[in-house]
Amino acid sequence: MAILRLFASAREAAGTGRDVFEAATVGDVLAQAGERYGEGFVAVLAACRVWLNGDEADNATPVGVDDEVAVLPPVSGGASSD
């Protein structure tokens, strides 16, 4: 089973930071997550980057047992120069 790790607004939208899915590809994991967590999560997901085991991945990337799919929303904020 693939492990899904969610961060920041993706975690907030899903209501969890971690879940597991039985899936063949990253796209399958994300589709199942969208069904489980609903439209709010799907909306956040559209702006996110997705990584598999620390490497950027796309929907066609295969996943195996104990692979980790990480969903990282864009980061905003930072130090002000004022």
C-alpha atoms as a PDB file:
ATOM      1  CA  MET A   1       0.000   0.000   0.000  1.00  0.00           C
ATOM      2  CA  ALA A   2       1.241   3.480  -0.858  1.00  0.00           C
ATOM      3  CA  ILE A   3       1.523   6.014   1.941  1.00  0.00           C
ATOM      4  CA  LEU A   4       0.063   9.456   1.273  1.00  0.00           C
ATOM      5  CA  ARG A   5       1.602  12.341   3.242  1.00  0.00           C
ATOM      6  CA  LEU A   6      -0.202  15.679   3.202  1.00  0.00           C
ATOM      7  CA  PHE A   7       1.192  19.050   4.234  1.00  0.00           C
ATOM      8  CA  ALA A   8      -0.154  22.532   5.035  1.00  0.00           C
ATOM      9  CA  SER A   9      -3.444  23.352   3.267  1.00  0.00           C
ATOM     10  CA  ALA A  10      -3.674  19.840   1.782  1.00  0.00           C
ATOM     11  CA  ARG A  11      -3.589  18.393   5.306  1.00  0.00           C
ATOM     12  CA  GLU A  12      -6.207  20.897   6.452  1.00  0.00           C
ATOM     13  CA  ALA A  13      -8.512  20.090   3.526  1.00  0.00           C
ATOM     14  CA  ALA A  14      -8.217  16.331   4.091  1.00  0.00           C
ATOM     15  CA  GLY A  15      -8.385  16.480   7.871  1.00  0.00           C
ATOM     16  CA  THR A  16      -5.343  14.222   8.173  1.00  0.00           C
ATOM     17  CA  GLY A  17      -1.631  14.297   7.460  1.00  0.00           C
ATOM     18  CA  ARG A  18      -1.242  10.635   6.537  1.00  0.00           C
ATOM     19  CA  ASP A  19      -3.247   7.854   4.926  1.00  0.00           C
ATOM     20  CA  VAL A  20      -2.669   4.666   2.940  1.00  0.00           C
ATOM     21  CA  PHE A  21      -4.046   3.622  -0.432  1.00  0.00           C
ATOM     22  CA  GLU A  22      -3.854   0.500  -2.543  1.00  0.00           C
ATOM     23  CA  ALA A  23      -3.000   1.922  -5.951  1.00  0.00           C
ATOM     24  CA  ALA A  24      -0.826   1.314  -9.002  1.00  0.00           C
ATOM     25  CA  THR A  25       0.155   4.906  -9.834  1.00  0.00           C
ATOM     26  CA  VAL A  26       0.477   8.317  -8.217  1.00  0.00           C
ATOM     27  CA  GLY A  27      -2.627   9.363 -10.162  1.00  0.00           C
ATOM     28  CA  ASP A  28      -4.583   6.469  -8.667  1.00  0.00           C
ATOM     29  CA  VAL A  29      -3.525   7.501  -5.151  1.00  0.00           C
ATOM     30  CA  LEU A  30      -4.594  11.099  -5.774  1.00  0.00           C
ATOM     31  CA  ALA A  31      -7.898  10.084  -7.368  1.00  0.00           C
ATOM     32  CA  GLN A  32      -8.750   7.848  -4.425  1.00  0.00           C
ATOM     33  CA  ALA A  33      -7.758  10.619  -2.017  1.00  0.00           C
ATOM     34  CA  GLY A  34     -10.015  13.051  -3.877  1.00  0.00           C
ATOM     35  CA  GLU A  35     -12.932  10.648  -3.524  1.00  0.00           C
ATOM     36  CA  ARG A  36     -12.205  10.121   0.171  1.00  0.00           C
ATOM     37  CA  TYR A  37     -11.629  13.776   1.137  1.00  0.00           C
ATOM     38  CA  GLY A  38     -13.983  15.620  -1.221  1.00  0.00           C
ATOM     39  CA  GLU A  39     -14.081  18.693  -3.412  1.00  0.00           C
ATOM     40  CA  GLY A  40     -12.197  20.970  -1.029  1.00  0.00           C
ATOM     41  CA  PHE A  41      -9.208  18.654  -1.139  1.00  0.00           C
ATOM     42  CA  VAL A  42      -9.416  18.319  -4.923  1.00  0.00           C
ATOM     43  CA  ALA A  43      -9.389  22.123  -5.241  1.00  0.00           C
ATOM     44  CA  VAL A  44      -6.248  22.399  -3.081  1.00  0.00           C
ATOM     45  CA  LEU A  45      -4.611  19.508  -4.946  1.00  0.00           C
ATOM     46  CA  ALA A  46      -4.808  21.425  -8.235  1.00  0.00           C
ATOM     47  CA  ALA A  47      -2.146  23.873  -6.991  1.00  0.00           C
ATOM     48  CA  CYS A  48       0.109  21.296  -5.314  1.00  0.00           C
ATOM     49  CA  ARG A  49       3.334  19.585  -6.308  1.00  0.00           C
ATOM     50  CA  VAL A  50       3.547  15.846  -5.858  1.00  0.00           C
ATOM     51  CA  TRP A  51       6.629  13.850  -4.919  1.00  0.00           C
ATOM     52  CA  LEU A  52       7.255  10.111  -4.720  1.00  0.00           C
ATOM     53  CA  ASN A  53       9.951   9.042  -2.273  1.00  0.00           C
ATOM     54  CA  GLY A  54      11.551  12.498  -2.464  1.00  0.00           C
ATOM     55  CA  ASP A  55      11.481  12.854  -6.258  1.00  0.00           C
ATOM     56  CA  GLU A  56       8.996  14.903  -8.266  1.00  0.00           C
ATOM     57  CA  ALA A  57       6.327  12.650  -9.788  1.00  0.00           C
ATOM     58  CA  ASP A  58       3.425  12.826 -12.211  1.00  0.00           C
ATOM     59  CA  ASN A  59       0.157  10.895 -12.346  1.00  0.00           C
ATOM     60  CA  ALA A  60       1.644   8.073 -14.434  1.00  0.00           C
ATOM     61  CA  THR A  61       4.483   7.341 -11.996  1.00  0.00           C
ATOM     62  CA  PRO A  62       4.053   3.800 -10.614  1.00  0.00           C
ATOM     63  CA  VAL A  63       3.838   3.272  -6.853  1.00  0.00           C
ATOM     64  CA  GLY A  64       4.765   0.188  -4.900  1.00  0.00           C
ATOM     65  CA  VAL A  65       4.351  -1.121  -1.400  1.00  0.00           C
ATOM     66  CA  ASP A  66       5.575   1.368   1.214  1.00  0.00           C
ATOM     67  CA  ASP A  67       6.231   4.103  -1.366  1.00  0.00           C
ATOM     68  CA  GLU A  68       5.499   7.574  -0.026  1.00  0.00           C
ATOM     69  CA  VAL A  69       3.485  10.067  -2.082  1.00  0.00           C
ATOM     70  CA  ALA A  70       3.854  13.589  -0.671  1.00  0.00           C
ATOM     71  CA  VAL A  71       1.485  16.436  -1.551  1.00  0.00           C
ATOM     72  CA  LEU A  72       3.100  19.855  -1.078  1.00  0.00           C
ATOM     73  CA  PRO A  73       1.024  23.011  -1.551  1.00  0.00           C
ATOM     74  CA  PRO A  74       2.754  26.192  -2.696  1.00  0.00           C
ATOM     75  CA  VAL A  75       4.587  27.994   0.092  1.00  0.00           C
ATOM     76  CA  SER A  76       3.774  31.630   0.708  1.00  0.00           C
ATOM     77  CA  GLY A  77       4.970  34.219   3.128  1.00  0.00           C
ATOM     78  CA  GLY A  78       8.499  34.799   4.284  1.00  0.00           C
ATOM     79  CA  ALA A  79      10.485  37.613   5.735  1.00  0.00           C
ATOM     80  CA  SER A  80       9.467  41.154   4.998  1.00  0.00           C
ATOM     81  CA  SER A  81      12.097  43.607   3.756  1.00  0.00           C
ATOM     82  CA  ASP A  82      10.356  46.542   5.471  1.00  0.00           C
END
